[in-house]
Amino acid sequence: MKNRKTYRLVVMVACFLFAGLNLLKIIQGAYTTIDVFLFVTFLLFGGIYAYLLRKDRQG
């Protein structure tokens, strides 16, 4: 796979979208421990993909 830029962009957007949905559930007050775990996990993976996209742009 030569060009991973599109793939990384799609995965990053999806991760931040799912993190946002979990955050909305947490803010509304109807959440469980797994919702908090998924929020942190999606936020972490989205941040990693954002870093990788930035690194690709610089390199």
N, C-alpha and C. Protein backbone atom coordinates (compact mmCIF):
# COMPACT_ATOMS: atom_id res chain seq x y z
N MET A 1 0.84 -1.17 0.00
CA MET A 1 0.00 0.00 0.00
C MET A 1 0.89 1.24 0.00
N LYS A 2 0.97 1.88 -1.14
CA LYS A 2 1.87 3.01 -1.27
C LYS A 2 1.34 4.27 -0.59
N ASN A 3 0.10 4.62 -0.88
CA ASN A 3 -0.45 5.87 -0.37
C ASN A 3 -1.39 5.58 0.79
N ARG A 4 -0.92 5.81 1.98
CA ARG A 4 -1.72 5.55 3.18
C ARG A 4 -2.41 6.82 3.69
N LYS A 5 -2.22 7.91 2.99
CA LYS A 5 -2.76 9.18 3.46
C LYS A 5 -4.28 9.16 3.55
N THR A 6 -4.95 8.67 2.52
CA THR A 6 -6.41 8.62 2.50
C THR A 6 -6.93 7.69 3.59
N TYR A 7 -6.29 6.53 3.71
CA TYR A 7 -6.68 5.56 4.73
C TYR A 7 -6.54 6.16 6.13
N ARG A 8 -5.42 6.79 6.39
CA ARG A 8 -5.19 7.39 7.70
C ARG A 8 -6.18 8.52 7.99
N LEU A 9 -6.52 9.29 6.98
CA LEU A 9 -7.48 10.37 7.16
C LEU A 9 -8.86 9.82 7.51
N VAL A 10 -9.29 8.78 6.81
CA VAL A 10 -10.60 8.18 7.08
C VAL A 10 -10.64 7.57 8.48
N VAL A 11 -9.59 6.87 8.86
CA VAL A 11 -9.55 6.25 10.19
C VAL A 11 -9.50 7.31 11.28
N MET A 12 -8.75 8.37 11.05
CA MET A 12 -8.67 9.45 12.04
C MET A 12 -10.05 10.10 12.25
N VAL A 13 -10.74 10.39 11.16
CA VAL A 13 -12.07 11.01 11.26
C VAL A 13 -13.04 10.07 11.97
N ALA A 14 -12.98 8.79 11.63
CA ALA A 14 -13.86 7.81 12.27
C ALA A 14 -13.57 7.71 13.77
N CYS A 15 -12.31 7.70 14.14
CA CYS A 15 -11.96 7.62 15.56
C CYS A 15 -12.46 8.84 16.33
N PHE A 16 -12.26 10.04 15.76
CA PHE A 16 -12.74 11.24 16.45
C PHE A 16 -14.27 11.30 16.48
N LEU A 17 -14.91 10.78 15.45
CA LEU A 17 -16.37 10.73 15.45
C LEU A 17 -16.89 9.82 16.56
N PHE A 18 -16.32 8.62 16.67
CA PHE A 18 -16.75 7.70 17.73
C PHE A 18 -16.39 8.22 19.12
N ALA A 19 -15.26 8.90 19.24
CA ALA A 19 -14.90 9.51 20.52
C ALA A 19 -15.92 10.59 20.88
N GLY A 20 -16.34 11.37 19.89
CA GLY A 20 -17.34 12.41 20.13
C GLY A 20 -18.68 11.83 20.54
N LEU A 21 -19.07 10.73 19.92
CA LEU A 21 -20.33 10.09 20.29
C LEU A 21 -20.28 9.56 21.72
N ASN A 22 -19.15 8.97 22.10
CA ASN A 22 -19.00 8.50 23.47
C ASN A 22 -18.95 9.66 24.45
N LEU A 23 -18.32 10.76 24.07
CA LEU A 23 -18.29 11.94 24.93
C LEU A 23 -19.69 12.50 25.13
N LEU A 24 -20.49 12.50 24.08
CA LEU A 24 -21.87 12.96 24.20
C LEU A 24 -22.65 12.11 25.19
N LYS A 25 -22.44 10.82 25.13
CA LYS A 25 -23.10 9.91 26.07
C LYS A 25 -22.64 10.17 27.51
N ILE A 26 -21.35 10.45 27.67
CA ILE A 26 -20.80 10.74 29.00
C ILE A 26 -21.37 12.06 29.53
N ILE A 27 -21.45 13.07 28.68
CA ILE A 27 -21.97 14.37 29.10
C ILE A 27 -23.43 14.28 29.50
N GLN A 28 -24.20 13.45 28.78
CA GLN A 28 -25.62 13.30 29.09
C GLN A 28 -25.83 12.57 30.41
N GLY A 29 -24.84 11.84 30.87
CA GLY A 29 -24.93 11.18 32.17
C GLY A 29 -25.34 9.73 32.11
N ALA A 30 -25.72 9.22 30.97
CA ALA A 30 -26.14 7.82 30.85
C ALA A 30 -24.98 7.01 30.26
N TYR A 31 -23.97 6.74 31.07
CA TYR A 31 -22.79 6.04 30.56
C TYR A 31 -22.36 4.95 31.53
N THR A 32 -21.54 4.05 31.00
CA THR A 32 -20.95 2.99 31.80
C THR A 32 -19.44 3.11 31.70
N THR A 33 -18.75 2.22 32.36
CA THR A 33 -17.29 2.24 32.35
C THR A 33 -16.75 2.00 30.94
N ILE A 34 -17.40 1.14 30.18
CA ILE A 34 -16.93 0.85 28.83
C ILE A 34 -17.03 2.08 27.93
N ASP A 35 -18.00 2.95 28.17
CA ASP A 35 -18.11 4.18 27.39
C ASP A 35 -16.91 5.10 27.63
N VAL A 36 -16.48 5.20 28.86
CA VAL A 36 -15.31 6.02 29.18
C VAL A 36 -14.05 5.40 28.56
N PHE A 37 -13.94 4.08 28.66
CA PHE A 37 -12.79 3.38 28.08
C PHE A 37 -12.75 3.58 26.56
N LEU A 38 -13.89 3.44 25.90
CA LEU A 38 -13.93 3.62 24.44
C LEU A 38 -13.64 5.05 24.04
N PHE A 39 -14.11 6.02 24.84
CA PHE A 39 -13.80 7.42 24.56
C PHE A 39 -12.30 7.66 24.57
N VAL A 40 -11.64 7.19 25.61
CA VAL A 40 -10.19 7.39 25.73
C VAL A 40 -9.46 6.64 24.61
N THR A 41 -9.90 5.43 24.31
CA THR A 41 -9.25 4.63 23.27
C THR A 41 -9.39 5.29 21.90
N PHE A 42 -10.60 5.70 21.54
CA PHE A 42 -10.80 6.34 20.24
C PHE A 42 -10.05 7.66 20.16
N LEU A 43 -10.01 8.40 21.24
CA LEU A 43 -9.28 9.66 21.26
C LEU A 43 -7.78 9.41 21.07
N LEU A 44 -7.27 8.38 21.71
CA LEU A 44 -5.85 8.04 21.58
C LEU A 44 -5.52 7.62 20.15
N PHE A 45 -6.33 6.73 19.56
CA PHE A 45 -6.06 6.28 18.20
C PHE A 45 -6.23 7.42 17.19
N GLY A 46 -7.19 8.29 17.39
CA GLY A 46 -7.35 9.44 16.52
C GLY A 46 -6.14 10.36 16.59
N GLY A 47 -5.63 10.55 17.79
CA GLY A 47 -4.43 11.37 17.95
C GLY A 47 -3.21 10.75 17.29
N ILE A 48 -3.09 9.43 17.38
CA ILE A 48 -1.98 8.74 16.73
C ILE A 48 -2.06 8.91 15.22
N TYR A 49 -3.25 8.73 14.65
CA TYR A 49 -3.39 8.89 13.21
C TYR A 49 -3.19 10.34 12.78
N ALA A 50 -3.59 11.29 13.59
CA ALA A 50 -3.34 12.70 13.27
C ALA A 50 -1.83 12.97 13.26
N TYR A 51 -1.13 12.40 14.22
CA TYR A 51 0.33 12.55 14.27
C TYR A 51 0.98 11.93 13.04
N LEU A 52 0.51 10.73 12.65
CA LEU A 52 1.09 10.07 11.48
C LEU A 52 0.83 10.87 10.20
N LEU A 53 -0.36 11.47 10.08
CA LEU A 53 -0.64 12.31 8.91
C LEU A 53 0.28 13.53 8.88
N ARG A 54 0.48 14.12 10.04
CA ARG A 54 1.35 15.29 10.11
C ARG A 54 2.80 14.91 9.76
N LYS A 55 3.22 13.75 10.24
CA LYS A 55 4.57 13.27 9.96
C LYS A 55 4.74 13.00 8.46
N ASP A 56 3.72 12.43 7.82
CA ASP A 56 3.78 12.18 6.38
C ASP A 56 3.88 13.49 5.59
N ARG A 57 3.16 14.50 6.06
CA ARG A 57 3.16 15.78 5.36
C ARG A 57 4.53 16.44 5.45
N GLN A 58 5.20 16.29 6.60
CA GLN A 58 6.52 16.90 6.78
C GLN A 58 7.61 16.13 6.04
N GLY A 59 7.42 14.82 5.92
CA GLY A 59 8.47 13.99 5.34
C GLY A 59 8.30 13.70 3.95
